[in-house]
Protein backbone atom coordinates (compact mmCIF):
# COMPACT_ATOMS: atom_id res chain seq x y z
CA MET A 1 58.68 -35.60 -6.90
CA SER A 2 54.91 -35.42 -6.47
CA ARG A 3 52.74 -38.50 -6.96
CA ARG A 4 51.09 -38.85 -10.40
CA ARG A 5 48.18 -41.12 -11.29
CA SER A 6 46.05 -41.59 -14.43
CA VAL A 7 42.46 -42.78 -14.53
CA ILE A 8 40.56 -43.80 -17.68
CA MET A 9 36.77 -43.27 -17.78
CA PRO A 10 34.00 -43.07 -20.41
CA THR A 11 31.41 -40.29 -20.56
CA SER A 12 27.70 -40.98 -19.96
CA PRO A 13 24.86 -39.75 -22.24
CA HIS A 14 22.38 -38.72 -19.55
CA THR A 15 24.15 -37.87 -16.29
CA HIS A 16 27.22 -36.16 -17.76
CA THR A 17 26.15 -34.35 -20.94
CA HIS A 18 23.59 -31.61 -21.67
CA THR A 19 21.39 -30.93 -24.71
CA HIS A 20 24.37 -30.20 -26.98
CA SER A 21 25.97 -33.60 -26.16
CA LEU A 22 28.82 -31.78 -24.37
CA VAL A 23 29.85 -32.67 -20.84
CA HIS A 24 28.41 -30.12 -18.40
CA HIS A 25 31.21 -28.01 -16.91
CA SER A 26 30.39 -29.03 -13.32
CA ASN A 27 30.96 -32.73 -14.09
CA TYR A 28 34.69 -32.25 -14.54
CA LEU A 29 34.90 -31.65 -10.77
CA ARG A 30 33.31 -35.08 -10.34
CA TYR A 31 35.92 -36.57 -12.69
CA PHE A 32 38.64 -34.90 -10.62
CA GLU A 33 37.23 -36.45 -7.45
CA ARG A 34 37.20 -39.94 -8.94
CA ALA A 35 40.83 -39.51 -9.95
CA ARG A 36 41.78 -38.27 -6.47
CA GLU A 37 40.32 -41.48 -5.04
CA HIS A 38 43.14 -43.30 -6.82
CA VAL A 39 45.62 -41.17 -4.88
CA LEU A 40 43.77 -41.00 -1.54
CA ASP A 41 42.28 -44.47 -1.16
CA PRO A 42 38.66 -44.19 0.13
CA ARG A 43 39.38 -47.03 2.58
CA PHE A 44 42.23 -44.96 4.02
CA LEU A 45 39.93 -41.93 4.36
CA VAL A 46 37.22 -43.94 6.13
CA LYS A 47 39.72 -45.45 8.58
CA LEU A 48 41.31 -42.04 9.17
CA PHE A 49 37.93 -40.56 10.12
CA GLU A 50 36.95 -43.52 12.31
CA ASP A 51 40.28 -43.60 14.16
CA THR A 52 41.14 -39.90 14.47
CA GLY A 53 38.08 -37.89 13.41
CA ARG A 54 40.09 -36.23 10.64
CA SER A 55 38.86 -35.71 7.09
CA PHE A 56 39.59 -33.61 3.99
CA VAL A 57 37.46 -30.77 2.60
CA VAL A 58 37.79 -28.82 -0.65
CA VAL A 59 38.64 -25.13 -0.07
CA SER A 60 39.20 -24.04 -3.68
CA ALA A 61 38.74 -25.38 -7.19
CA ASN A 62 39.97 -23.72 -10.39
CA THR A 63 39.28 -25.06 -13.86
CA LYS A 64 40.22 -23.86 -17.32
CA TYR A 65 38.16 -25.26 -20.20
CA LYS A 66 39.83 -25.72 -23.60
CA VAL A 67 37.70 -28.26 -25.52
CA GLY A 68 34.43 -29.94 -24.55
CA ALA A 69 34.14 -33.69 -24.09
CA ARG A 70 31.23 -35.37 -25.88
CA HIS A 71 29.15 -38.47 -25.28
CA GLY A 72 31.17 -41.57 -26.11
CA ASP A 73 34.60 -40.00 -25.55
CA ILE A 74 37.15 -41.94 -23.53
CA LEU A 75 38.72 -39.58 -21.02
CA GLU A 76 41.95 -39.84 -19.05
CA VAL A 77 42.35 -37.80 -15.88
CA ARG A 78 45.98 -37.28 -14.89
CA THR A 79 46.62 -36.20 -11.32
CA ARG A 80 49.68 -34.87 -9.51
CA ALA A 81 49.37 -34.37 -5.77
CA CYS A 82 51.63 -32.59 -3.31
CA ALA A 83 51.52 -31.22 0.22
CA THR A 84 51.97 -27.44 0.18
CA SER A 85 51.88 -27.08 3.98
CA SER A 86 51.41 -29.23 7.08
CA TYR A 87 47.63 -29.16 6.63
CA ARG A 88 47.03 -28.47 2.91
CA LEU A 89 47.11 -30.63 -0.24
CA LYS A 90 47.15 -29.43 -3.84
CA PHE A 91 46.03 -31.56 -6.78
CA LEU A 92 46.99 -30.61 -10.34
CA GLN A 93 44.51 -32.43 -12.57
CA ASN A 94 44.18 -32.48 -16.37
CA VAL A 95 41.53 -34.20 -18.47
CA TYR A 96 42.48 -35.61 -21.89
CA ARG A 97 40.47 -37.21 -24.68
CA VAL A 98 42.31 -40.41 -25.64
CA SER A 99 41.87 -42.65 -28.67
CA GLU A 100 43.78 -45.39 -30.43
CA GLU A 101 43.17 -43.70 -33.79
CA GLU A 102 44.00 -40.07 -32.91
CA GLU A 103 46.45 -38.11 -30.79
CA GLU A 104 45.35 -37.24 -27.26
CA VAL A 105 43.70 -33.84 -26.76
CA LEU A 106 43.90 -31.74 -23.58
CA LEU A 107 40.34 -30.75 -22.64
CA VAL A 108 40.45 -29.25 -19.14
CA GLU A 109 43.12 -28.08 -16.70
CA GLY A 110 42.29 -28.00 -12.99
CA VAL A 111 43.76 -27.17 -9.59
CA VAL A 112 41.95 -28.39 -6.46
CA GLU A 113 43.09 -27.54 -2.92
CA MET A 114 42.01 -29.50 0.15
CA VAL A 115 42.72 -29.08 3.85
CA CYS A 116 42.67 -31.56 6.71
CA VAL A 117 40.11 -30.83 9.44
CA ASP A 118 38.88 -32.45 12.65
CA LYS A 119 35.27 -33.23 13.56
CA SER A 120 34.74 -29.58 14.57
CA MET A 121 35.97 -28.45 11.12
CA ARG A 122 39.13 -26.93 12.58
CA LEU A 123 42.40 -27.16 10.68
CA THR A 124 44.61 -30.03 11.76
CA LYS A 125 47.88 -31.52 10.55
CA LEU A 126 48.04 -34.01 7.72
CA PRO A 127 48.41 -37.61 8.90
CA GLU A 128 51.94 -38.99 8.74
CA THR A 129 50.71 -42.06 6.85
CA LEU A 130 49.84 -39.76 3.95
CA ASN A 131 53.52 -39.56 3.03
CA ALA A 132 53.29 -43.07 1.62
CA MET A 133 50.68 -41.87 -0.88
CA ILE A 134 52.14 -38.53 -1.88
CA SER A 135 55.43 -36.78 -1.26
CA LYS A 136 56.12 -33.18 -0.38
CA ASN A 137 57.00 -30.97 -3.31
CA GLU A 138 57.70 -27.28 -3.83
CA LYS A 139 54.56 -25.21 -4.10
CA PRO A 140 53.07 -25.13 -7.63
CA LYS A 141 52.17 -21.78 -9.10
CA ARG A 142 48.70 -20.65 -8.09
CA SER A 143 46.10 -20.54 -10.87
CA SER A 144 44.26 -17.23 -11.00
CA PHE A 145 42.37 -14.92 -13.28
CA PRO A 146 44.47 -12.20 -14.94
CA VAL A 147 44.07 -8.75 -13.44
CA GLY A 148 44.69 -5.81 -15.73
CA SER A 149 45.38 -2.21 -14.83
CA LYS A 150 42.59 -0.93 -17.06
CA LYS A 151 39.41 -0.20 -15.15
CA LYS A 152 36.58 -2.56 -16.09
CA GLU A 153 32.87 -1.84 -16.09
CA ILE A 154 31.07 -3.89 -13.46
CA ILE A 155 27.31 -4.38 -13.44
CA GLU A 156 25.39 -5.50 -10.35
CA ASN A 157 22.60 -7.92 -11.25
CA THR A 158 19.47 -8.89 -9.37
CA SER A 159 19.93 -11.65 -6.78
CA HIS A 160 18.48 -15.14 -7.06
CA ASP A 161 16.93 -16.99 -4.07
CA MET A 162 16.56 -20.76 -3.92
CA LYS A 163 16.62 -23.67 -1.50
CA CYS A 164 19.10 -26.47 -0.84
CA TYR A 165 17.34 -29.78 -1.48
CA LEU A 166 18.28 -33.28 -0.42
CA ASP A 167 19.56 -34.22 -3.89
CA ASP A 168 22.02 -31.29 -3.70
CA THR A 169 23.82 -32.84 -0.72
CA ASP A 170 26.25 -35.69 -0.23
CA PHE A 171 26.32 -38.29 2.55
CA THR A 172 27.47 -35.68 5.10
CA GLY A 173 24.33 -33.59 4.57
CA VAL A 174 26.36 -30.74 3.05
CA CYS A 175 25.92 -29.54 -0.55
CA TYR A 176 28.27 -31.41 -2.90
CA TYR A 177 30.87 -28.88 -4.00
CA ALA A 178 30.37 -29.34 -7.76
CA ASN A 179 26.70 -28.40 -7.39
CA TYR A 180 27.59 -24.79 -6.57
CA LEU A 181 28.54 -24.41 -10.24
CA LYS A 182 25.01 -25.52 -11.17
CA TRP A 183 23.53 -23.02 -8.69
CA MET A 184 25.58 -20.23 -10.23
CA GLU A 185 24.41 -21.31 -13.66
CA ARG A 186 20.79 -21.01 -12.48
CA ALA A 187 21.50 -17.45 -11.30
CA ARG A 188 22.93 -16.57 -14.73
CA ALA A 189 19.88 -18.15 -16.35
CA GLU A 190 17.71 -15.66 -14.42
CA ILE A 191 19.71 -12.86 -16.08
CA LEU A 192 20.18 -14.46 -19.52
CA SER A 193 17.06 -16.51 -20.12
CA THR A 194 17.20 -19.75 -22.10
CA GLU A 195 14.81 -18.17 -24.59
CA PHE A 196 17.25 -15.31 -25.20
CA LEU A 197 20.25 -17.62 -25.56
CA SER A 198 18.37 -19.79 -28.06
CA LYS A 199 17.35 -16.69 -30.02
CA MET A 200 20.97 -15.47 -30.01
CA ARG A 201 22.10 -18.75 -31.58
CA ARG A 202 19.46 -18.47 -34.30
CA GLN A 203 19.70 -14.77 -35.19
CA ASP A 204 23.26 -13.57 -34.47
CA ASP A 205 25.12 -15.76 -36.95
CA GLY A 206 24.65 -18.78 -34.68
CA VAL A 207 26.87 -17.58 -31.83
CA GLY A 208 26.83 -19.05 -28.36
CA ALA A 209 28.37 -18.51 -24.92
CA ALA A 210 30.92 -21.01 -23.60
CA ILE A 211 32.59 -21.28 -20.19
CA HIS A 212 36.33 -20.66 -20.39
CA GLU A 213 37.40 -20.63 -16.73
CA ALA A 214 35.78 -21.28 -13.36
CA SER A 215 37.15 -20.55 -9.90
CA LEU A 216 35.48 -21.48 -6.60
CA ASN A 217 36.51 -20.59 -3.04
CA PHE A 218 34.70 -22.21 -0.11
CA LYS A 219 34.12 -20.74 3.36
CA SER A 220 31.30 -22.99 4.58
CA GLY A 221 28.78 -25.48 3.22
CA ALA A 222 25.07 -25.24 2.53
CA ARG A 223 22.92 -27.89 4.21
CA PHE A 224 19.64 -29.55 3.38
CA GLY A 225 16.78 -27.12 3.97
CA ASP A 226 18.90 -23.95 3.89
CA ARG A 227 17.48 -20.95 2.11
CA ILE A 228 20.10 -19.65 -0.34
CA ARG A 229 20.74 -16.30 -1.99
CA ILE A 230 23.06 -15.93 -4.98
CA THR A 231 24.28 -12.46 -5.91
CA THR A 232 25.85 -11.78 -9.30
CA ARG A 233 28.02 -9.01 -10.66
CA THR A 234 28.94 -8.93 -14.34
CA GLU A 235 32.30 -7.58 -15.50
CA PHE A 236 32.74 -6.78 -19.20
CA GLN A 237 36.45 -7.52 -19.63
CA SER A 238 36.48 -7.16 -23.41
CA LYS A 239 34.18 -7.59 -26.38
CA PHE A 240 35.12 -11.29 -26.31
CA ARG A 241 35.06 -12.06 -22.58
CA VAL A 242 32.60 -11.52 -19.72
CA LEU A 243 33.40 -12.42 -16.09
CA PHE A 244 30.58 -13.26 -13.68
CA HIS A 245 31.28 -12.74 -9.96
CA HIS A 246 28.95 -14.95 -7.92
CA THR A 247 28.58 -15.02 -4.14
CA ILE A 248 26.44 -17.65 -2.42
CA TYR A 249 24.93 -16.91 0.99
CA ARG A 250 22.86 -18.79 3.54
CA ILE A 251 19.81 -16.74 4.54
CA ILE A 252 19.72 -16.82 8.34
CA ASP A 253 16.30 -17.58 9.80
CA GLU A 254 15.30 -15.11 12.52
CA LYS A 255 13.08 -17.78 14.07
CA LYS A 256 16.17 -19.70 15.19
CA GLY A 257 16.84 -17.14 17.90
CA ILE A 258 19.82 -15.47 16.22
CA GLU A 259 19.92 -11.73 16.85
CA ILE A 260 19.85 -9.83 13.55
CA SER A 261 20.60 -6.11 13.63
CA SER A 262 20.89 -5.34 9.91
CA GLU A 263 20.13 -6.74 6.47
CA GLU A 264 23.77 -7.87 6.09
CA ASP A 265 23.47 -9.95 9.28
CA LYS A 266 20.78 -12.04 7.59
CA LEU A 267 23.33 -13.50 5.16
CA GLU A 268 26.17 -15.94 5.90
CA HIS A 269 28.85 -16.09 3.20
CA LEU A 270 29.34 -19.66 1.94
CA VAL A 271 31.03 -19.68 -1.49
CA SER A 272 32.58 -17.19 -3.92
CA GLY A 273 32.91 -17.95 -7.60
CA LYS A 274 34.27 -16.40 -10.79
CA ILE A 275 32.98 -17.75 -14.09
CA SER A 276 34.62 -16.50 -17.30
CA ILE A 277 32.40 -16.66 -20.41
CA ILE A 278 33.53 -16.28 -24.01
CA CYS A 279 31.54 -16.06 -27.25
CA LEU A 280 32.03 -18.61 -30.04
CA ASP A 281 30.45 -19.02 -33.45
CA LYS A 282 28.75 -22.23 -34.63
CA GLY A 283 26.37 -22.10 -31.67
CA GLY A 284 29.16 -22.00 -29.10
CA SER A 285 31.49 -24.66 -30.49
CA GLY A 286 33.50 -22.72 -33.10
CA LYS A 287 35.96 -19.83 -33.14
CA LEU A 288 36.19 -16.85 -30.78
CA VAL A 289 33.95 -13.94 -31.82
CA ALA A 290 32.66 -10.74 -30.19
CA PHE A 291 29.51 -10.85 -28.09
CA PRO A 292 26.50 -9.35 -29.90
CA ASP A 293 25.10 -6.06 -28.58
CA SER A 294 21.94 -7.88 -27.54
CA PHE A 295 23.95 -9.87 -24.96
CA ARG A 296 25.02 -6.72 -23.14
CA ASP A 297 21.55 -5.21 -23.44
CA LYS A 298 20.00 -8.28 -21.84
CA ILE A 299 22.35 -8.04 -18.83
CA LEU A 300 21.57 -4.35 -18.42
CA ASP A 301 17.82 -5.02 -18.38
CA ASN A 302 17.82 -6.01 -14.69
CA SER A 303 21.06 -4.43 -13.51
CA ARG A 304 22.66 -1.26 -12.24
CA CYS A 305 26.19 0.05 -12.90
CA LEU A 306 28.57 0.15 -9.92
CA LYS A 307 30.53 3.36 -9.46
């Protein structure tokens, strides 16, 4: 059997929630990390790095959002961990709202995969001492977005350039992995302005967009001072669901002596993401409804259709 742990934590009004008093979707990755620390003791990880130079890095994170947590909620993060190969760990993590007065409610389902690497970021075998913390289990089913046979319309949006600042990074100097969700949100905000989204809530029967699923795959990490480019493609999957395909690149500086022969050589692929958006009434907290025509029109304003 795989190892299972539960962690209880309260939400915070300022650092965890946004203007609608709902927990920002990126913060659930932080909750997952706290829960994993109860499986992989931080003291064990520090000693492992000091003695052998080995550490763990996140290579993929998939989350499915069901209900939003609000300020004041008591949350329980339940974690099951298993080794799926000699160098890879998989964590199945669910977030519940718990209360003495009411039945528990499942809020978010997540799958996070990590690999063991050496100081040169090369794959290396899991330490044998890890067996005392988790046990090997058969591979869980991979979480993925459904792929239909019907051809979908995909729109290519304008790219968004930014910079990686010090507060984006963790103690290693690399961008903290949950922050890529915030970067992708900024890119969407360049396409769907906050003014438009506020107007949509007021005029179109109070509808709002809500994140249903998010999937991240990591190839490399952005560092402090890097210039970043985020490209976005929008896929209209149905009148109820829109899928944003984000790709994050590091813009390579020609001044560093790297030979660049084409425009593509100027970009180093760091992270790929898929963010599934649905439309809900009551300002984004009610029942599933169709996106208004104005939503599609806004995306088309700065886009071109891919053949």
